[in-house]
Amino acid sequence: MPTLVIDPAPGKFEELLEQRRRLGLDRWDEVWEGVLHMMPPPSREHERLASRLHRLLGPLADVAGLDLLGTIGIGDKDDNRVPDLALQRPGDARPQWQETVALVVEIRSPEDDTFGKLDFYAEHGVGELLIVDPSARGVDWRALEAGGYRPVERSGLIELGPAQLAAQLDWPLAAAS
């Protein structure tokens, strides 16, 4: 259920934020142009799929000289997105907030807003997007071109394409969240 809290936030809200920080539940939260998006932890199936993607993409990232990363923040503390996985050129690495990455992996969840992130990723120069949709059992691979993303049949970064990846995934029986 989406909720918008207009400042000043109620006192209990600050307690909720502190509790989320303490428990590490805020690691998936994003800030979209100053608006906090509190994300629930991923489901077991979502994380199982992320783990499989990590294992499949890892060796290919190594060959390409890219770092495979988990949930990292792209942007800054006041405007950021946290993809499920990312491939980054070592020279682009920053201590905390990443300015850009070479590729982001977004695993769709029910009621998520993956496609609402595309303009943000384009503005940050993310070269490729890999969108995995468990409910459709599909993979959508896109490359940045002229400020927007277009579908591609093969990555320009690693030796893989969407059809090949989709065939290697162990899709969940039910939609992941």
N, C-alpha and C. Protein backbone atom coordinates (compact mmCIF):
# COMPACT_ATOMS: atom_id res chain seq x y z
N MET A 1 0.84 -1.16 0.00
CA MET A 1 0.00 0.00 0.00
C MET A 1 0.90 1.23 0.00
N PRO A 2 0.89 2.02 -1.07
CA PRO A 2 1.68 3.25 -1.10
C PRO A 2 1.19 4.24 -0.05
N THR A 3 2.14 4.92 0.59
CA THR A 3 1.81 5.90 1.62
C THR A 3 2.69 7.12 1.42
N LEU A 4 2.13 8.28 1.46
CA LEU A 4 2.89 9.52 1.38
C LEU A 4 2.72 10.24 2.70
N VAL A 5 3.83 10.55 3.34
CA VAL A 5 3.80 11.30 4.60
C VAL A 5 4.32 12.70 4.31
N ILE A 6 3.50 13.69 4.51
CA ILE A 6 3.89 15.08 4.27
C ILE A 6 4.61 15.59 5.51
N ASP A 7 5.76 16.24 5.31
CA ASP A 7 6.52 16.78 6.43
C ASP A 7 5.69 17.82 7.16
N PRO A 8 5.83 17.99 8.45
CA PRO A 8 6.71 17.20 9.30
C PRO A 8 6.10 15.82 9.59
N ALA A 9 6.96 14.82 9.59
CA ALA A 9 6.51 13.45 9.83
C ALA A 9 6.10 13.29 11.28
N PRO A 10 5.11 12.44 11.55
CA PRO A 10 4.72 12.19 12.93
C PRO A 10 5.88 11.56 13.71
N GLY A 11 5.91 11.78 15.03
CA GLY A 11 6.99 11.27 15.88
C GLY A 11 7.22 9.79 15.74
N LYS A 12 6.17 9.01 15.68
CA LYS A 12 6.30 7.56 15.53
C LYS A 12 6.98 7.18 14.22
N PHE A 13 6.85 8.04 13.23
CA PHE A 13 7.47 7.77 11.93
C PHE A 13 8.99 7.76 12.06
N GLU A 14 9.54 8.73 12.79
CA GLU A 14 10.99 8.76 13.01
C GLU A 14 11.45 7.51 13.75
N GLU A 15 10.63 7.04 14.69
CA GLU A 15 10.95 5.79 15.40
C GLU A 15 10.97 4.62 14.42
N LEU A 16 10.00 4.59 13.51
CA LEU A 16 9.95 3.54 12.50
C LEU A 16 11.21 3.57 11.63
N LEU A 17 11.61 4.75 11.18
CA LEU A 17 12.82 4.86 10.36
C LEU A 17 14.05 4.39 11.11
N GLU A 18 14.16 4.75 12.39
CA GLU A 18 15.31 4.33 13.20
C GLU A 18 15.30 2.81 13.38
N GLN A 19 14.14 2.24 13.62
CA GLN A 19 14.05 0.79 13.77
C GLN A 19 14.45 0.09 12.47
N ARG A 20 14.02 0.62 11.32
CA ARG A 20 14.41 0.04 10.03
C ARG A 20 15.92 0.12 9.84
N ARG A 21 16.53 1.25 10.24
CA ARG A 21 17.99 1.39 10.13
C ARG A 21 18.69 0.37 11.01
N ARG A 22 18.22 0.24 12.25
CA ARG A 22 18.82 -0.69 13.22
C ARG A 22 18.76 -2.14 12.72
N LEU A 23 17.64 -2.51 12.13
CA LEU A 23 17.45 -3.88 11.67
C LEU A 23 18.01 -4.13 10.26
N GLY A 24 18.49 -3.09 9.62
CA GLY A 24 19.02 -3.24 8.27
C GLY A 24 17.95 -3.37 7.20
N LEU A 25 16.70 -3.05 7.55
CA LEU A 25 15.61 -3.15 6.59
C LEU A 25 15.58 -2.00 5.59
N ASP A 26 16.34 -0.95 5.88
CA ASP A 26 16.36 0.21 4.99
C ASP A 26 17.30 0.03 3.80
N ARG A 27 17.99 -1.09 3.73
CA ARG A 27 18.98 -1.29 2.66
C ARG A 27 18.35 -1.33 1.28
N TRP A 28 17.04 -1.61 1.19
CA TRP A 28 16.35 -1.64 -0.09
C TRP A 28 15.59 -0.34 -0.36
N ASP A 29 15.56 0.56 0.61
CA ASP A 29 14.82 1.81 0.44
C ASP A 29 15.49 2.69 -0.62
N GLU A 30 14.67 3.46 -1.31
CA GLU A 30 15.16 4.38 -2.32
C GLU A 30 14.57 5.75 -2.04
N VAL A 31 15.24 6.79 -2.54
CA VAL A 31 14.72 8.15 -2.45
C VAL A 31 14.59 8.66 -3.87
N TRP A 32 13.36 8.94 -4.27
CA TRP A 32 13.08 9.41 -5.62
C TRP A 32 12.80 10.90 -5.55
N GLU A 33 13.77 11.69 -5.95
CA GLU A 33 13.65 13.15 -5.94
C GLU A 33 13.16 13.66 -4.59
N GLY A 34 13.77 13.16 -3.52
CA GLY A 34 13.47 13.60 -2.17
C GLY A 34 12.33 12.86 -1.50
N VAL A 35 11.67 11.92 -2.18
CA VAL A 35 10.56 11.16 -1.60
C VAL A 35 11.04 9.75 -1.26
N LEU A 36 10.93 9.40 0.02
CA LEU A 36 11.37 8.09 0.49
C LEU A 36 10.43 6.99 0.00
N HIS A 37 10.98 5.97 -0.62
CA HIS A 37 10.23 4.78 -1.03
C HIS A 37 10.72 3.64 -0.14
N MET A 38 9.92 3.29 0.86
CA MET A 38 10.28 2.22 1.79
C MET A 38 9.90 0.89 1.17
N MET A 39 10.92 0.10 0.86
CA MET A 39 10.71 -1.18 0.19
C MET A 39 10.71 -2.31 1.20
N PRO A 40 9.81 -3.27 1.05
CA PRO A 40 9.85 -4.44 1.93
C PRO A 40 11.03 -5.32 1.54
N PRO A 41 11.49 -6.18 2.43
CA PRO A 41 12.53 -7.12 2.05
C PRO A 41 12.03 -8.01 0.92
N PRO A 42 12.94 -8.45 0.05
CA PRO A 42 12.53 -9.32 -1.05
C PRO A 42 12.03 -10.67 -0.52
N SER A 43 11.16 -11.31 -1.32
CA SER A 43 10.68 -12.64 -0.97
C SER A 43 11.79 -13.67 -1.16
N ARG A 44 11.55 -14.86 -0.67
CA ARG A 44 12.51 -15.95 -0.84
C ARG A 44 12.74 -16.23 -2.32
N GLU A 45 11.68 -16.28 -3.11
CA GLU A 45 11.81 -16.57 -4.54
C GLU A 45 12.58 -15.47 -5.27
N HIS A 46 12.34 -14.23 -4.87
CA HIS A 46 13.07 -13.10 -5.46
C HIS A 46 14.56 -13.26 -5.18
N GLU A 47 14.91 -13.55 -3.95
CA GLU A 47 16.32 -13.69 -3.59
C GLU A 47 16.95 -14.94 -4.20
N ARG A 48 16.15 -16.00 -4.35
CA ARG A 48 16.67 -17.21 -5.00
C ARG A 48 17.01 -16.90 -6.46
N LEU A 49 16.17 -16.14 -7.13
CA LEU A 49 16.42 -15.74 -8.50
C LEU A 49 17.63 -14.80 -8.57
N ALA A 50 17.75 -13.87 -7.63
CA ALA A 50 18.91 -12.96 -7.59
C ALA A 50 20.20 -13.76 -7.40
N SER A 51 20.16 -14.78 -6.54
CA SER A 51 21.33 -15.62 -6.31
C SER A 51 21.73 -16.36 -7.58
N ARG A 52 20.74 -16.88 -8.29
CA ARG A 52 21.02 -17.59 -9.55
C ARG A 52 21.63 -16.62 -10.57
N LEU A 53 21.09 -15.42 -10.67
CA LEU A 53 21.64 -14.41 -11.58
C LEU A 53 23.08 -14.07 -11.20
N HIS A 54 23.34 -13.98 -9.92
CA HIS A 54 24.69 -13.69 -9.44
C HIS A 54 25.66 -14.78 -9.92
N ARG A 55 25.25 -16.03 -9.78
CA ARG A 55 26.12 -17.13 -10.20
C ARG A 55 26.31 -17.16 -11.72
N LEU A 56 25.27 -16.86 -12.48
CA LEU A 56 25.37 -16.87 -13.94
C LEU A 56 26.18 -15.69 -14.48
N LEU A 57 25.96 -14.51 -13.90
CA LEU A 57 26.63 -13.31 -14.40
C LEU A 57 28.06 -13.16 -13.90
N GLY A 58 28.36 -13.74 -12.74
CA GLY A 58 29.68 -13.57 -12.13
C GLY A 58 30.85 -13.89 -13.03
N PRO A 59 30.92 -15.11 -13.59
CA PRO A 59 32.05 -15.44 -14.46
C PRO A 59 32.14 -14.54 -15.70
N LEU A 60 30.99 -14.16 -16.25
CA LEU A 60 30.99 -13.28 -17.43
C LEU A 60 31.48 -11.88 -17.07
N ALA A 61 31.10 -11.41 -15.89
CA ALA A 61 31.59 -10.11 -15.41
C ALA A 61 33.10 -10.15 -15.21
N ASP A 62 33.59 -11.25 -14.64
CA ASP A 62 35.03 -11.39 -14.42
C ASP A 62 35.80 -11.30 -15.74
N VAL A 63 35.33 -12.02 -16.75
CA VAL A 63 35.98 -12.01 -18.07
C VAL A 63 35.99 -10.59 -18.66
N ALA A 64 34.91 -9.85 -18.44
CA ALA A 64 34.79 -8.49 -18.98
C ALA A 64 35.48 -7.45 -18.11
N GLY A 65 36.06 -7.86 -16.97
CA GLY A 65 36.73 -6.90 -16.08
C GLY A 65 35.78 -6.02 -15.31
N LEU A 66 34.57 -6.52 -15.06
CA LEU A 66 33.56 -5.76 -14.32
C LEU A 66 33.36 -6.36 -12.94
N ASP A 67 33.01 -5.52 -11.98
CA ASP A 67 32.69 -5.98 -10.63
C ASP A 67 31.19 -6.27 -10.57
N LEU A 68 30.83 -7.45 -10.08
CA LEU A 68 29.43 -7.79 -9.86
C LEU A 68 29.08 -7.43 -8.43
N LEU A 69 28.07 -6.58 -8.25
CA LEU A 69 27.70 -6.06 -6.94
C LEU A 69 26.25 -6.36 -6.64
N GLY A 70 25.94 -6.44 -5.35
CA GLY A 70 24.56 -6.62 -4.91
C GLY A 70 23.87 -5.28 -4.82
N THR A 71 23.05 -5.11 -3.83
CA THR A 71 22.23 -3.91 -3.68
C THR A 71 23.09 -2.71 -3.30
N ILE A 72 23.41 -1.90 -4.28
CA ILE A 72 24.20 -0.68 -4.06
C ILE A 72 23.34 0.52 -4.43
N GLY A 73 23.66 1.66 -3.87
CA GLY A 73 22.93 2.89 -4.16
C GLY A 73 23.54 3.62 -5.34
N ILE A 74 22.72 3.91 -6.33
CA ILE A 74 23.14 4.72 -7.47
C ILE A 74 22.48 6.08 -7.31
N GLY A 75 23.26 7.14 -7.38
CA GLY A 75 22.76 8.49 -7.18
C GLY A 75 23.39 9.09 -5.94
N ASP A 76 22.57 9.73 -5.11
CA ASP A 76 23.06 10.29 -3.85
C ASP A 76 22.00 10.08 -2.78
N LYS A 77 22.27 10.55 -1.57
CA LYS A 77 21.36 10.25 -0.46
C LYS A 77 19.97 10.86 -0.63
N ASP A 78 19.85 11.91 -1.44
CA ASP A 78 18.56 12.57 -1.65
C ASP A 78 17.83 12.13 -2.92
N ASP A 79 18.48 11.32 -3.76
CA ASP A 79 17.86 10.84 -4.99
C ASP A 79 18.64 9.61 -5.46
N ASN A 80 18.10 8.42 -5.19
CA ASN A 80 18.84 7.21 -5.49
C ASN A 80 17.92 6.05 -5.83
N ARG A 81 18.52 5.06 -6.48
CA ARG A 81 17.84 3.80 -6.77
C ARG A 81 18.77 2.67 -6.33
N VAL A 82 18.17 1.54 -5.95
CA VAL A 82 18.93 0.40 -5.46
C VAL A 82 18.55 -0.83 -6.28
N PRO A 83 19.29 -1.12 -7.35
CA PRO A 83 18.97 -2.28 -8.17
C PRO A 83 19.29 -3.58 -7.43
N ASP A 84 18.75 -4.68 -7.94
CA ASP A 84 19.01 -5.99 -7.33
C ASP A 84 20.47 -6.41 -7.50
N LEU A 85 21.03 -6.15 -8.66
CA LEU A 85 22.45 -6.43 -8.94
C LEU A 85 22.96 -5.33 -9.86
N ALA A 86 24.27 -5.20 -9.93
CA ALA A 86 24.88 -4.24 -10.84
C ALA A 86 26.24 -4.75 -11.28
N LEU A 87 26.62 -4.39 -12.49
CA LEU A 87 27.98 -4.61 -12.97
C LEU A 87 28.61 -3.23 -13.09
N GLN A 88 29.80 -3.09 -12.53
CA GLN A 88 30.44 -1.78 -12.51
C GLN A 88 31.89 -1.89 -12.96
N ARG A 89 32.32 -0.89 -13.71
CA ARG A 89 33.73 -0.79 -14.06
C ARG A 89 34.47 -0.35 -12.80
N PRO A 90 35.59 -1.01 -12.47
CA PRO A 90 36.30 -0.66 -11.23
C PRO A 90 36.65 0.83 -11.14
N GLY A 91 36.93 1.47 -12.25
CA GLY A 91 37.27 2.90 -12.24
C GLY A 91 36.12 3.81 -11.89
N ASP A 92 34.89 3.30 -11.96
CA ASP A 92 33.70 4.10 -11.63
C ASP A 92 33.31 3.99 -10.15
N ALA A 93 33.99 3.11 -9.41
CA ALA A 93 33.59 2.83 -8.03
C ALA A 93 33.80 4.04 -7.12
N ARG A 94 32.84 4.26 -6.25
CA ARG A 94 32.88 5.31 -5.22
C ARG A 94 32.68 4.64 -3.87
N PRO A 95 33.11 5.28 -2.77
CA PRO A 95 32.96 4.65 -1.45
C PRO A 95 31.51 4.35 -1.06
N GLN A 96 30.58 5.22 -1.38
CA GLN A 96 29.20 5.02 -0.95
C GLN A 96 28.25 5.10 -2.13
N TRP A 97 27.81 6.27 -2.48
CA TRP A 97 26.84 6.45 -3.55
C TRP A 97 27.54 6.39 -4.89
N GLN A 98 27.07 5.50 -5.76
CA GLN A 98 27.68 5.32 -7.07
C GLN A 98 27.08 6.30 -8.07
N GLU A 99 27.94 6.96 -8.83
CA GLU A 99 27.45 7.88 -9.86
C GLU A 99 26.81 7.11 -11.01
N THR A 100 27.43 5.99 -11.36
CA THR A 100 26.93 5.18 -12.46
C THR A 100 27.43 3.76 -12.31
N VAL A 101 26.85 2.88 -13.08
CA VAL A 101 27.33 1.50 -13.23
C VAL A 101 27.18 1.15 -14.70
N ALA A 102 27.81 0.07 -15.12
CA ALA A 102 27.72 -0.34 -16.51
C ALA A 102 26.38 -0.98 -16.82
N LEU A 103 25.85 -1.77 -15.88
CA LEU A 103 24.61 -2.51 -16.08
C LEU A 103 23.89 -2.65 -14.76
N VAL A 104 22.59 -2.48 -14.76
CA VAL A 104 21.79 -2.79 -13.58
C VAL A 104 20.87 -3.96 -13.90
N VAL A 105 20.61 -4.75 -12.86
CA VAL A 105 19.66 -5.86 -12.96
C VAL A 105 18.52 -5.53 -12.02
N GLU A 106 17.33 -5.48 -12.57
CA GLU A 106 16.11 -5.27 -11.79
C GLU A 106 15.25 -6.51 -11.92
N ILE A 107 14.89 -7.12 -10.81
CA ILE A 107 13.97 -8.24 -10.80
C ILE A 107 12.60 -7.67 -10.44
N ARG A 108 11.66 -7.81 -11.35
CA ARG A 108 10.33 -7.25 -11.12
C ARG A 108 9.63 -7.96 -9.99
N SER A 109 8.91 -7.19 -9.22
CA SER A 109 8.08 -7.69 -8.13
C SER A 109 6.66 -7.19 -8.36
N PRO A 110 5.68 -7.87 -7.77
CA PRO A 110 4.32 -7.36 -7.91
C PRO A 110 4.26 -5.91 -7.41
N GLU A 111 3.61 -5.08 -8.17
CA GLU A 111 3.38 -3.67 -7.81
C GLU A 111 4.66 -2.84 -7.73
N ASP A 112 5.77 -3.30 -8.33
CA ASP A 112 6.97 -2.47 -8.30
C ASP A 112 6.91 -1.43 -9.42
N ASP A 113 7.88 -0.55 -9.45
CA ASP A 113 7.91 0.52 -10.45
C ASP A 113 9.23 0.49 -11.20
N THR A 114 9.64 -0.70 -11.63
CA THR A 114 10.90 -0.85 -12.36
C THR A 114 10.99 0.11 -13.53
N PHE A 115 9.93 0.17 -14.33
CA PHE A 115 10.00 1.00 -15.54
C PHE A 115 10.01 2.49 -15.21
N GLY A 116 9.59 2.87 -14.00
CA GLY A 116 9.69 4.25 -13.55
C GLY A 116 11.12 4.68 -13.23
N LYS A 117 12.04 3.71 -13.21
CA LYS A 117 13.44 4.00 -12.90
C LYS A 117 14.28 4.27 -14.16
N LEU A 118 13.75 3.99 -15.33
CA LEU A 118 14.55 4.05 -16.55
C LEU A 118 15.14 5.44 -16.82
N ASP A 119 14.34 6.49 -16.67
CA ASP A 119 14.86 7.85 -16.90
C ASP A 119 15.98 8.17 -15.93
N PHE A 120 15.83 7.77 -14.67
CA PHE A 120 16.87 8.00 -13.67
C PHE A 120 18.17 7.30 -14.09
N TYR A 121 18.06 6.04 -14.46
CA TYR A 121 19.25 5.30 -14.88
C TYR A 121 19.90 5.94 -16.11
N ALA A 122 19.09 6.39 -17.06
CA ALA A 122 19.63 7.05 -18.25
C ALA A 122 20.37 8.33 -17.87
N GLU A 123 19.78 9.13 -16.98
CA GLU A 123 20.43 10.37 -16.53
C GLU A 123 21.75 10.10 -15.83
N HIS A 124 21.90 8.92 -15.24
CA HIS A 124 23.14 8.56 -14.56
C HIS A 124 24.08 7.75 -15.44
N GLY A 125 23.77 7.64 -16.71
CA GLY A 125 24.67 7.00 -17.67
C GLY A 125 24.83 5.50 -17.51
N VAL A 126 23.81 4.84 -16.95
CA VAL A 126 23.86 3.38 -16.85
C VAL A 126 23.73 2.82 -18.27
N GLY A 127 24.75 2.08 -18.70
CA GLY A 127 24.83 1.64 -20.09
C GLY A 127 23.81 0.61 -20.51
N GLU A 128 23.51 -0.33 -19.61
CA GLU A 128 22.56 -1.39 -19.95
C GLU A 128 21.67 -1.71 -18.77
N LEU A 129 20.45 -2.13 -19.10
CA LEU A 129 19.47 -2.56 -18.10
C LEU A 129 19.07 -3.99 -18.42
N LEU A 130 19.01 -4.80 -17.40
CA LEU A 130 18.53 -6.17 -17.52
C LEU A 130 17.33 -6.28 -16.59
N ILE A 131 16.15 -6.42 -17.18
CA ILE A 131 14.92 -6.49 -16.40
C ILE A 131 14.41 -7.92 -16.47
N VAL A 132 14.35 -8.56 -15.31
CA VAL A 132 13.91 -9.95 -15.22
C VAL A 132 12.52 -9.96 -14.61
N ASP A 133 11.57 -10.58 -15.32
CA ASP A 133 10.18 -10.60 -14.87
C ASP A 133 9.78 -12.04 -14.56
N PRO A 134 9.81 -12.43 -13.28
CA PRO A 134 9.47 -13.80 -12.92
C PRO A 134 8.05 -14.21 -13.30
N SER A 135 7.09 -13.29 -13.18
CA SER A 135 5.70 -13.66 -13.47
C SER A 135 5.51 -13.94 -14.97
N ALA A 136 6.25 -13.25 -15.83
CA ALA A 136 6.18 -13.48 -17.27
C ALA A 136 7.24 -14.47 -17.74
N ARG A 137 8.13 -14.83 -16.82
CA ARG A 137 9.27 -15.70 -17.15
C ARG A 137 10.03 -15.14 -18.35
N GLY A 138 10.28 -13.84 -18.29
CA GLY A 138 10.92 -13.16 -19.40
C GLY A 138 12.07 -12.28 -18.97
N VAL A 139 12.94 -12.03 -19.92
CA VAL A 139 14.11 -11.17 -19.71
C VAL A 139 14.08 -10.08 -20.78
N ASP A 140 14.18 -8.84 -20.34
CA ASP A 140 14.19 -7.67 -21.22
C ASP A 140 15.56 -7.02 -21.05
N TRP A 141 16.35 -6.98 -22.12
CA TRP A 141 17.69 -6.39 -22.05
C TRP A 141 17.67 -5.13 -22.89
N ARG A 142 18.13 -4.04 -22.32
CA ARG A 142 18.12 -2.75 -23.01
C ARG A 142 19.47 -2.07 -22.91
N ALA A 143 19.79 -1.29 -23.94
CA ALA A 143 21.03 -0.52 -23.97
C ALA A 143 20.69 0.97 -24.12
N LEU A 144 21.51 1.79 -23.48
CA LEU A 144 21.33 3.24 -23.54
C LEU A 144 21.78 3.74 -24.91
N GLU A 145 20.88 4.50 -25.54
CA GLU A 145 21.18 5.06 -26.85
C GLU A 145 20.43 6.38 -26.99
N ALA A 146 21.16 7.46 -27.24
CA ALA A 146 20.57 8.79 -27.44
C ALA A 146 19.65 9.19 -26.28
N GLY A 147 20.10 8.89 -25.05
CA GLY A 147 19.37 9.32 -23.86
C GLY A 147 18.22 8.44 -23.44
N GLY A 148 17.98 7.34 -24.17
CA GLY A 148 16.90 6.41 -23.82
C GLY A 148 17.36 4.98 -24.02
N TYR A 149 16.52 4.05 -23.62
CA TYR A 149 16.88 2.64 -23.71
C TYR A 149 16.13 1.96 -24.86
N ARG A 150 16.85 1.14 -25.59
CA ARG A 150 16.27 0.35 -26.66
C ARG A 150 16.58 -1.12 -26.41
N PRO A 151 15.66 -2.02 -26.77
CA PRO A 151 15.92 -3.46 -26.58
C PRO A 151 17.10 -3.93 -27.42
N VAL A 152 17.88 -4.86 -26.87
CA VAL A 152 19.00 -5.46 -27.60
C VAL A 152 18.90 -6.98 -27.51
N GLU A 153 19.48 -7.64 -28.49
CA GLU A 153 19.49 -9.10 -28.54
C GLU A 153 20.72 -9.67 -27.85
N ARG A 154 21.70 -8.81 -27.57
CA ARG A 154 22.93 -9.27 -26.93
C ARG A 154 23.56 -8.09 -26.20
N SER A 155 24.11 -8.37 -25.04
CA SER A 155 24.80 -7.34 -24.27
C SER A 155 26.05 -6.88 -25.00
N GLY A 156 26.34 -5.61 -24.89
CA GLY A 156 27.61 -5.08 -25.40
C GLY A 156 28.72 -5.16 -24.36
N LEU A 157 28.38 -5.63 -23.16
CA LEU A 157 29.34 -5.68 -22.05
C LEU A 157 29.83 -7.09 -21.76
N ILE A 158 28.91 -8.04 -21.79
CA ILE A 158 29.25 -9.42 -21.48
C ILE A 158 28.71 -10.33 -22.57
N GLU A 159 29.21 -11.52 -22.64
CA GLU A 159 28.82 -12.48 -23.68
C GLU A 159 27.51 -13.18 -23.30
N LEU A 160 26.40 -12.46 -23.45
CA LEU A 160 25.11 -13.02 -23.07
C LEU A 160 24.00 -12.18 -23.69
N GLY A 161 22.88 -12.81 -23.96
CA GLY A 161 21.71 -12.12 -24.45
C GLY A 161 20.49 -12.54 -23.65
N PRO A 162 19.36 -11.87 -23.83
CA PRO A 162 18.17 -12.14 -23.02
C PRO A 162 17.61 -13.56 -23.20
N ALA A 163 17.55 -14.05 -24.42
CA ALA A 163 16.99 -15.39 -24.64
C ALA A 163 17.88 -16.46 -24.01
N GLN A 164 19.18 -16.29 -24.16
CA GLN A 164 20.15 -17.24 -23.57
C GLN A 164 20.04 -17.23 -22.05
N LEU A 165 19.93 -16.05 -21.45
CA LEU A 165 19.81 -15.95 -20.00
C LEU A 165 18.50 -16.56 -19.52
N ALA A 166 17.41 -16.24 -20.20
CA ALA A 166 16.09 -16.76 -19.78
C ALA A 166 16.08 -18.28 -19.78
N ALA A 167 16.78 -18.89 -20.73
CA ALA A 167 16.83 -20.35 -20.80
C ALA A 167 17.63 -20.96 -19.66
N GLN A 168 18.52 -20.18 -19.05
CA GLN A 168 19.36 -20.68 -17.96
C GLN A 168 18.77 -20.45 -16.58
N LEU A 169 17.69 -19.69 -16.51
CA LEU A 169 17.11 -19.37 -15.20
C LEU A 169 16.17 -20.48 -14.73
N ASP A 170 16.20 -20.71 -13.45
CA ASP A 170 15.29 -21.64 -12.80
C ASP A 170 14.14 -20.78 -12.29
N TRP A 171 13.11 -20.63 -13.11
CA TRP A 171 12.01 -19.72 -12.79
C TRP A 171 11.21 -20.22 -11.62
N PRO A 172 10.77 -19.33 -10.76
CA PRO A 172 9.91 -19.74 -9.63
C PRO A 172 8.55 -20.20 -10.14
N LEU A 173 7.92 -21.05 -9.35
CA LEU A 173 6.58 -21.54 -9.71
C LEU A 173 5.54 -20.43 -9.58
N ALA A 174 5.72 -19.57 -8.56
CA ALA A 174 4.82 -18.44 -8.34
C ALA A 174 5.60 -17.15 -8.58
N ALA A 175 4.89 -16.07 -8.83
CA ALA A 175 5.52 -14.79 -9.06
C ALA A 175 6.35 -14.39 -7.84
N ALA A 176 7.57 -13.87 -8.08
CA ALA A 176 8.44 -13.41 -7.01
C ALA A 176 8.02 -12.03 -6.56
N SER A 177 8.33 -11.69 -5.33
CA SER A 177 8.04 -10.34 -4.86
C SER A 177 9.23 -9.79 -4.13
